[in-house]
Amino acid sequence: MTADLEAQLRAVSLRVTRPRLAVLAALREHPHVDTERVIALVRDELPTVSHQAVYDVLRALTDAGLVRRIQPAGANARYETRVGDNHHHVVCRSCGAIEDVDCTVGHAPCLTASDDHGYMIDEAEVVFWGTCPECAAASTPQ
């Protein structure tokens, strides 16, 4: 797996460093986590890594297109390595869990705005809100 992550970094002209590899590995294994969780995961592997180093890595990976930053309304920013496919998310209003939702394949209706105001639209970001199965089960009287 490390060779794959190293190749991804090199493909976007980023130096291969232990913090970058650790952040990519953490996000691959734990999509949709916030910065504090990324820091904790990276520190499992690199105990002395600083908060600032992780913030800098997340910014560099996001700028390079290897990581996507998402921030549903009212939530902390989250990160994922699934990029470039115009997928969306469903968020639990109760616990904040986030899952991926694929866009419709073929003609992409989610890219057709009712009024594009002259913009050349290349991406749409849709967030579905609801209650996850675990929270729904917990709130149902037995």
C-alpha atoms as a PDB file:
ATOM      1  CA  MET A   1       0.000   0.000   0.000  1.00  0.00           C
ATOM      2  CA  THR A   2       2.856   2.405   0.763  1.00  0.00           C
ATOM      3  CA  ALA A   3       4.167   2.124  -2.796  1.00  0.00           C
ATOM      4  CA  ASP A   4       0.713   3.089  -4.100  1.00  0.00           C
ATOM      5  CA  LEU A   5       0.563   6.133  -1.798  1.00  0.00           C
ATOM      6  CA  GLU A   6       4.101   7.147  -2.777  1.00  0.00           C
ATOM      7  CA  ALA A   7       3.126   6.924  -6.459  1.00  0.00           C
ATOM      8  CA  GLN A   8       0.083   9.143  -5.833  1.00  0.00           C
ATOM      9  CA  LEU A   9       2.255  11.803  -4.205  1.00  0.00           C
ATOM     10  CA  ARG A  10       4.844  11.698  -6.968  1.00  0.00           C
ATOM     11  CA  ALA A  11       2.135  11.870  -9.658  1.00  0.00           C
ATOM     12  CA  VAL A  12       1.131  15.313  -8.374  1.00  0.00           C
ATOM     13  CA  SER A  13       4.749  16.438  -7.817  1.00  0.00           C
ATOM     14  CA  LEU A  14       4.639  16.253  -4.024  1.00  0.00           C
ATOM     15  CA  ARG A  15       7.624  15.024  -2.044  1.00  0.00           C
ATOM     16  CA  VAL A  16       7.101  11.706  -0.305  1.00  0.00           C
ATOM     17  CA  THR A  17       7.243  12.312   3.448  1.00  0.00           C
ATOM     18  CA  ARG A  18       6.219  10.189   6.406  1.00  0.00           C
ATOM     19  CA  PRO A  19       3.488  12.645   7.509  1.00  0.00           C
ATOM     20  CA  ARG A  20       1.989  12.758   4.001  1.00  0.00           C
ATOM     21  CA  LEU A  21       2.000   8.966   3.769  1.00  0.00           C
ATOM     22  CA  ALA A  22       0.453   8.660   7.230  1.00  0.00           C
ATOM     23  CA  VAL A  23      -2.313  11.163   6.460  1.00  0.00           C
ATOM     24  CA  LEU A  24      -3.175   9.494   3.141  1.00  0.00           C
ATOM     25  CA  ALA A  25      -3.230   6.060   4.794  1.00  0.00           C
ATOM     26  CA  ALA A  26      -5.444   7.328   7.622  1.00  0.00           C
ATOM     27  CA  LEU A  27      -7.921   8.897   5.204  1.00  0.00           C
ATOM     28  CA  ARG A  28      -7.983   5.811   3.009  1.00  0.00           C
ATOM     29  CA  GLU A  29      -8.901   3.670   6.027  1.00  0.00           C
ATOM     30  CA  HIS A  30     -11.190   6.236   7.701  1.00  0.00           C
ATOM     31  CA  PRO A  31     -13.058   8.413   5.174  1.00  0.00           C
ATOM     32  CA  HIS A  32     -15.025  11.449   6.335  1.00  0.00           C
ATOM     33  CA  VAL A  33     -12.978  12.163   9.458  1.00  0.00           C
ATOM     34  CA  ASP A  34     -12.272  15.613  10.848  1.00  0.00           C
ATOM     35  CA  THR A  35      -8.854  17.116  11.449  1.00  0.00           C
ATOM     36  CA  GLU A  36      -8.671  16.101  15.114  1.00  0.00           C
ATOM     37  CA  ARG A  37      -9.360  12.468  14.220  1.00  0.00           C
ATOM     38  CA  VAL A  38      -6.753  12.616  11.425  1.00  0.00           C
ATOM     39  CA  ILE A  39      -4.214  13.930  13.944  1.00  0.00           C
ATOM     40  CA  ALA A  40      -5.023  11.087  16.359  1.00  0.00           C
ATOM     41  CA  LEU A  41      -4.753   8.464  13.606  1.00  0.00           C
ATOM     42  CA  VAL A  42      -1.456   9.859  12.327  1.00  0.00           C
ATOM     43  CA  ARG A  43      -0.053  10.027  15.859  1.00  0.00           C
ATOM     44  CA  ASP A  44      -0.684   6.281  16.226  1.00  0.00           C
ATOM     45  CA  GLU A  45       2.030   5.882  13.591  1.00  0.00           C
ATOM     46  CA  LEU A  46       4.065   9.072  14.139  1.00  0.00           C
ATOM     47  CA  PRO A  47       3.693  10.065  17.815  1.00  0.00           C
ATOM     48  CA  THR A  48       5.678  13.295  17.520  1.00  0.00           C
ATOM     49  CA  VAL A  49       3.878  14.815  14.525  1.00  0.00           C
ATOM     50  CA  SER A  50       2.533  18.302  15.292  1.00  0.00           C
ATOM     51  CA  HIS A  51      -0.970  19.601  14.741  1.00  0.00           C
ATOM     52  CA  GLN A  52       0.444  22.169  12.325  1.00  0.00           C
ATOM     53  CA  ALA A  53       2.198  19.488  10.277  1.00  0.00           C
ATOM     54  CA  VAL A  54      -1.082  17.600   9.820  1.00  0.00           C
ATOM     55  CA  TYR A  55      -2.920  20.808   8.904  1.00  0.00           C
ATOM     56  CA  ASP A  56      -0.196  21.616   6.366  1.00  0.00           C
ATOM     57  CA  VAL A  57      -0.343  18.098   4.891  1.00  0.00           C
ATOM     58  CA  LEU A  58      -4.139  18.207   4.595  1.00  0.00           C
ATOM     59  CA  ARG A  59      -3.916  21.565   2.801  1.00  0.00           C
ATOM     60  CA  ALA A  60      -1.189  20.322   0.421  1.00  0.00           C
ATOM     61  CA  LEU A  61      -3.071  17.102  -0.364  1.00  0.00           C
ATOM     62  CA  THR A  62      -6.313  18.995  -0.926  1.00  0.00           C
ATOM     63  CA  ASP A  63      -4.623  21.591  -3.156  1.00  0.00           C
ATOM     64  CA  ALA A  64      -3.017  18.763  -5.166  1.00  0.00           C
ATOM     65  CA  GLY A  65      -6.387  17.038  -5.656  1.00  0.00           C
ATOM     66  CA  LEU A  66      -5.508  13.871  -3.725  1.00  0.00           C
ATOM     67  CA  VAL A  67      -7.922  14.677  -0.910  1.00  0.00           C
ATOM     68  CA  ARG A  68     -11.344  16.270  -0.874  1.00  0.00           C
ATOM     69  CA  ARG A  69     -12.440  18.573   1.932  1.00  0.00           C
ATOM     70  CA  ILE A  70     -16.147  18.528   2.667  1.00  0.00           C
ATOM     71  CA  GLN A  71     -17.989  20.643   5.195  1.00  0.00           C
ATOM     72  CA  PRO A  72     -21.705  20.023   5.599  1.00  0.00           C
ATOM     73  CA  ALA A  73     -23.562  22.991   7.090  1.00  0.00           C
ATOM     74  CA  GLY A  74     -22.983  23.254  10.828  1.00  0.00           C
ATOM     75  CA  ALA A  75     -20.300  20.539  10.875  1.00  0.00           C
ATOM     76  CA  ASN A  76     -16.525  20.477  11.127  1.00  0.00           C
ATOM     77  CA  ALA A  77     -14.600  20.028   7.896  1.00  0.00           C
ATOM     78  CA  ARG A  78     -14.062  16.384   6.982  1.00  0.00           C
ATOM     79  CA  TYR A  79     -11.623  14.796   4.546  1.00  0.00           C
ATOM     80  CA  GLU A  80     -11.718  11.868   2.147  1.00  0.00           C
ATOM     81  CA  THR A  81      -9.528  10.347  -0.559  1.00  0.00           C
ATOM     82  CA  ARG A  82     -12.413   9.656  -2.933  1.00  0.00           C
ATOM     83  CA  VAL A  83     -11.965  12.462  -5.454  1.00  0.00           C
ATOM     84  CA  GLY A  84     -12.863  13.315  -9.024  1.00  0.00           C
ATOM     85  CA  ASP A  85     -16.100  11.365  -9.385  1.00  0.00           C
ATOM     86  CA  ASN A  86     -18.734  13.973  -8.398  1.00  0.00           C
ATOM     87  CA  HIS A  87     -20.203  11.860  -5.614  1.00  0.00           C
ATOM     88  CA  HIS A  88     -22.335  13.356  -2.875  1.00  0.00           C
ATOM     89  CA  HIS A  89     -22.968  12.673   0.815  1.00  0.00           C
ATOM     90  CA  VAL A  90     -25.741  11.765   3.238  1.00  0.00           C
ATOM     91  CA  VAL A  91     -25.347  13.129   6.768  1.00  0.00           C
ATOM     92  CA  CYS A  92     -27.083  11.974   9.954  1.00  0.00           C
ATOM     93  CA  ARG A  93     -28.662  14.918  11.765  1.00  0.00           C
ATOM     94  CA  SER A  94     -28.302  13.102  15.076  1.00  0.00           C
ATOM     95  CA  CYS A  95     -24.760  11.652  15.256  1.00  0.00           C
ATOM     96  CA  GLY A  96     -23.095  13.358  12.270  1.00  0.00           C
ATOM     97  CA  ALA A  97     -22.199  10.129  10.456  1.00  0.00           C
ATOM     98  CA  ILE A  98     -21.453  10.682   6.767  1.00  0.00           C
ATOM     99  CA  GLU A  99     -21.756   8.209   3.904  1.00  0.00           C
ATOM    100  CA  ASP A 100     -21.044   8.519   0.184  1.00  0.00           C
ATOM    101  CA  VAL A 101     -23.898   8.726  -2.326  1.00  0.00           C
ATOM    102  CA  ASP A 102     -23.097   8.126  -5.982  1.00  0.00           C
ATOM    103  CA  CYS A 103     -24.453  10.518  -8.570  1.00  0.00           C
ATOM    104  CA  THR A 104     -26.743   9.146 -11.241  1.00  0.00           C
ATOM    105  CA  VAL A 105     -24.717   7.503 -13.986  1.00  0.00           C
ATOM    106  CA  GLY A 106     -25.112   8.354 -17.663  1.00  0.00           C
ATOM    107  CA  HIS A 107     -26.479  11.851 -18.195  1.00  0.00           C
ATOM    108  CA  ALA A 108     -25.716  13.605 -14.920  1.00  0.00           C
ATOM    109  CA  PRO A 109     -28.906  15.443 -13.942  1.00  0.00           C
ATOM    110  CA  CYS A 110     -27.185  16.733 -10.830  1.00  0.00           C
ATOM    111  CA  LEU A 111     -24.982  18.822 -13.126  1.00  0.00           C
ATOM    112  CA  THR A 112     -27.899  20.467 -14.898  1.00  0.00           C
ATOM    113  CA  ALA A 113     -28.840  23.614 -13.009  1.00  0.00           C
ATOM    114  CA  SER A 114     -32.238  25.193 -13.581  1.00  0.00           C
ATOM    115  CA  ASP A 115     -30.388  28.486 -14.211  1.00  0.00           C
ATOM    116  CA  ASP A 116     -26.616  28.358 -14.626  1.00  0.00           C
ATOM    117  CA  HIS A 117     -26.300  32.165 -14.790  1.00  0.00           C
ATOM    118  CA  GLY A 118     -23.764  31.733 -17.591  1.00  0.00           C
ATOM    119  CA  TYR A 119     -21.382  29.586 -15.523  1.00  0.00           C
ATOM    120  CA  MET A 120     -19.647  26.574 -17.057  1.00  0.00           C
ATOM    121  CA  ILE A 121     -20.625  24.074 -14.354  1.00  0.00           C
ATOM    122  CA  ASP A 122     -18.204  21.174 -13.843  1.00  0.00           C
ATOM    123  CA  GLU A 123     -19.236  19.898 -10.419  1.00  0.00           C
ATOM    124  CA  ALA A 124     -22.268  19.822  -8.149  1.00  0.00           C
ATOM    125  CA  GLU A 125     -22.214  19.325  -4.406  1.00  0.00           C
ATOM    126  CA  VAL A 126     -25.327  17.806  -2.911  1.00  0.00           C
ATOM    127  CA  VAL A 127     -25.783  16.934   0.751  1.00  0.00           C
ATOM    128  CA  PHE A 128     -28.670  14.724   1.788  1.00  0.00           C
ATOM    129  CA  TRP A 129     -29.721  15.035   5.439  1.00  0.00           C
ATOM    130  CA  GLY A 130     -31.552  12.469   7.528  1.00  0.00           C
ATOM    131  CA  THR A 131     -31.201   9.991  10.360  1.00  0.00           C
ATOM    132  CA  CYS A 132     -28.841   7.018  10.095  1.00  0.00           C
ATOM    133  CA  PRO A 133     -30.186   3.506  10.821  1.00  0.00           C
ATOM    134  CA  GLU A 134     -28.451   3.312  14.214  1.00  0.00           C
ATOM    135  CA  CYS A 135     -29.871   6.619  15.448  1.00  0.00           C
ATOM    136  CA  ALA A 136     -33.312   5.792  14.042  1.00  0.00           C
ATOM    137  CA  ALA A 137     -33.294   2.429  15.860  1.00  0.00           C
ATOM    138  CA  ALA A 138     -32.153   4.078  19.099  1.00  0.00           C
ATOM    139  CA  SER A 139     -34.993   6.620  18.983  1.00  0.00           C
ATOM    140  CA  THR A 140     -37.703   4.046  18.241  1.00  0.00           C
ATOM    141  CA  PRO A 141     -39.571   2.984  21.417  1.00  0.00           C
ATOM    142  CA  GLN A 142     -39.285  -0.727  22.086  1.00  0.00           C
END
